[in-house]
Protein backbone atom coordinates (compact mmCIF):
# COMPACT_ATOMS: atom_id res chain seq x y z
CA UNK A 1 -62.73 79.77 58.48
CA UNK A 2 -64.04 76.36 57.54
CA UNK A 3 -63.25 73.32 60.03
CA UNK A 4 -60.78 70.81 58.57
CA UNK A 5 -61.67 67.13 59.07
CA UNK A 6 -58.65 65.03 58.76
CA UNK A 7 -59.06 60.76 57.95
CA UNK A 8 -56.48 58.32 58.24
CA UNK A 9 -56.53 54.93 56.44
CA UNK A 10 -54.61 52.10 55.71
CA UNK A 11 -54.24 51.59 51.73
CA UNK A 12 -52.36 49.00 51.89
CA UNK A 13 -49.82 46.32 53.53
CA UNK A 14 -47.19 43.68 53.08
CA UNK A 15 -46.82 40.39 54.94
CA UNK A 16 -44.20 37.30 55.32
CA UNK A 17 -44.47 34.77 53.57
CA UNK A 18 -42.27 32.68 56.01
CA UNK A 19 -42.78 32.34 59.55
CA UNK A 20 -41.28 34.61 62.04
CA UNK A 21 -40.80 33.59 65.54
CA UNK A 22 -43.27 31.24 65.28
CA UNK A 23 -46.06 33.49 63.80
CA UNK A 24 -46.95 33.35 60.15
CA UNK A 25 -48.47 36.58 57.78
CA UNK A 26 -46.38 39.13 60.21
CA UNK A 27 -47.12 42.30 58.73
CA UNK A 28 -44.01 43.94 57.76
CA UNK A 29 -45.17 47.69 56.50
CA UNK A 30 -48.18 49.50 55.33
CA UNK A 31 -49.07 52.63 53.23
CA UNK A 32 -50.81 54.72 54.90
CA UNK A 33 -52.78 57.74 54.00
CA UNK A 34 -53.94 61.02 56.02
CA UNK A 35 -56.39 63.38 54.08
CA UNK A 36 -57.89 66.79 55.33
CA UNK A 37 -60.80 68.51 54.08
CA UNK A 38 -62.99 71.38 54.91
CA UNK A 39 -65.61 70.78 52.06
CA UNK A 40 -64.25 73.02 49.58
CA UNK A 41 -60.19 72.27 49.10
CA UNK A 42 -58.41 69.18 50.22
CA UNK A 43 -54.96 67.84 50.90
CA UNK A 44 -53.23 64.66 51.88
CA UNK A 45 -50.05 62.84 52.85
CA UNK A 46 -48.90 59.53 52.00
CA UNK A 47 -46.57 57.00 53.17
CA UNK A 48 -44.98 54.05 54.35
CA UNK A 49 -44.17 52.76 57.78
CA UNK A 50 -42.26 49.18 58.75
CA UNK A 51 -43.05 47.78 61.88
CA UNK A 52 -40.61 45.35 64.29
CA UNK A 53 -40.95 41.84 64.30
CA UNK A 54 -43.39 40.13 66.87
CA UNK A 55 -41.33 38.38 69.87
CA UNK A 56 -41.59 35.19 70.70
CA UNK A 57 -44.40 35.22 73.75
CA UNK A 58 -45.26 38.48 72.54
CA UNK A 59 -48.50 39.80 71.60
CA UNK A 60 -49.83 38.94 68.16
CA UNK A 61 -53.03 39.32 66.20
CA UNK A 62 -53.47 36.74 63.34
CA UNK A 63 -53.44 38.91 59.76
CA UNK A 64 -57.64 37.99 59.03
CA UNK A 65 -58.07 39.17 62.75
CA UNK A 66 -56.50 42.74 62.21
CA UNK A 67 -58.32 46.09 62.15
CA UNK A 68 -57.19 49.46 60.46
CA UNK A 69 -57.61 51.30 63.72
CA UNK A 70 -54.85 48.55 65.13
CA UNK A 71 -52.72 48.75 61.90
CA UNK A 72 -52.87 52.88 62.23
CA UNK A 73 -52.09 52.29 66.28
CA UNK A 74 -48.47 50.71 64.81
CA UNK A 75 -48.05 53.35 62.27
CA UNK A 76 -48.50 56.01 65.38
CA UNK A 77 -46.33 54.04 67.35
CA UNK A 78 -43.73 53.71 65.25
CA UNK A 79 -42.42 57.15 63.93
CA UNK A 80 -45.41 59.13 62.87
CA UNK A 81 -46.37 61.84 64.79
CA UNK A 82 -50.06 61.86 64.58
CA UNK A 83 -50.64 65.25 65.90
CA UNK A 84 -47.98 66.97 63.80
CA UNK A 85 -49.27 65.01 60.61
CA UNK A 86 -52.80 66.49 61.20
CA UNK A 87 -51.32 70.09 61.62
CA UNK A 88 -49.59 69.57 58.84
CA UNK A 89 -52.51 68.52 56.48
CA UNK A 90 -54.75 71.19 58.07
CA UNK A 91 -52.11 73.78 57.39
CA UNK A 92 -52.16 72.63 53.80
CA UNK A 93 -55.79 72.73 53.54
CA UNK A 94 -55.89 76.49 55.09
CA UNK A 95 -53.31 77.38 52.60
CA UNK A 96 -55.98 76.55 49.69
CA UNK A 97 -58.45 78.50 51.03
CA UNK A 98 -56.62 81.63 52.49
CA UNK A 99 -53.27 81.31 49.95
CA UNK A 100 -50.34 83.30 51.63
CA UNK A 101 -48.76 84.03 48.10
CA UNK A 102 -51.11 85.29 45.22
CA UNK A 103 -49.96 86.05 41.52
CA UNK A 104 -52.07 89.52 41.25
CA UNK A 105 -52.41 91.21 37.96
CA UNK A 106 -50.08 93.29 36.87
CA UNK A 107 -50.94 97.28 37.85
CA UNK A 108 -49.86 98.56 34.35
CA UNK A 109 -51.96 95.90 32.40
CA UNK A 110 -54.93 97.40 31.50
CA UNK A 111 -58.23 94.80 30.60
CA UNK A 112 -59.49 97.31 28.16
CA UNK A 113 -58.74 96.76 24.79
CA UNK A 114 -57.47 99.95 22.94
CA UNK A 115 -59.48 101.60 20.05
CA UNK A 116 -57.56 102.08 16.98
């Protein structure tokens, strides 16, 4: 059985045009993707996560200084179970490689053409 490699990415973010608690360009949500592949089969999960507003006196990273890894950490801290999502994508890839259900040919169907 091939090993499934998973990759997380942030595809887009929304940010406030208003100042929130003294901070500008506060990220409100992000669209993320988790892709799994074994080199032959691929599966992906797409979703959106929303984030709480930063509090005055709290930590804040300016929008221009954010990293994808930092935003992904917010995704996992705000309701996305990283391990469960990776297990789901891995199971989807494995199901493609080894289908649990198939459509075999009908046993009475002949692949030979009858002569007349």
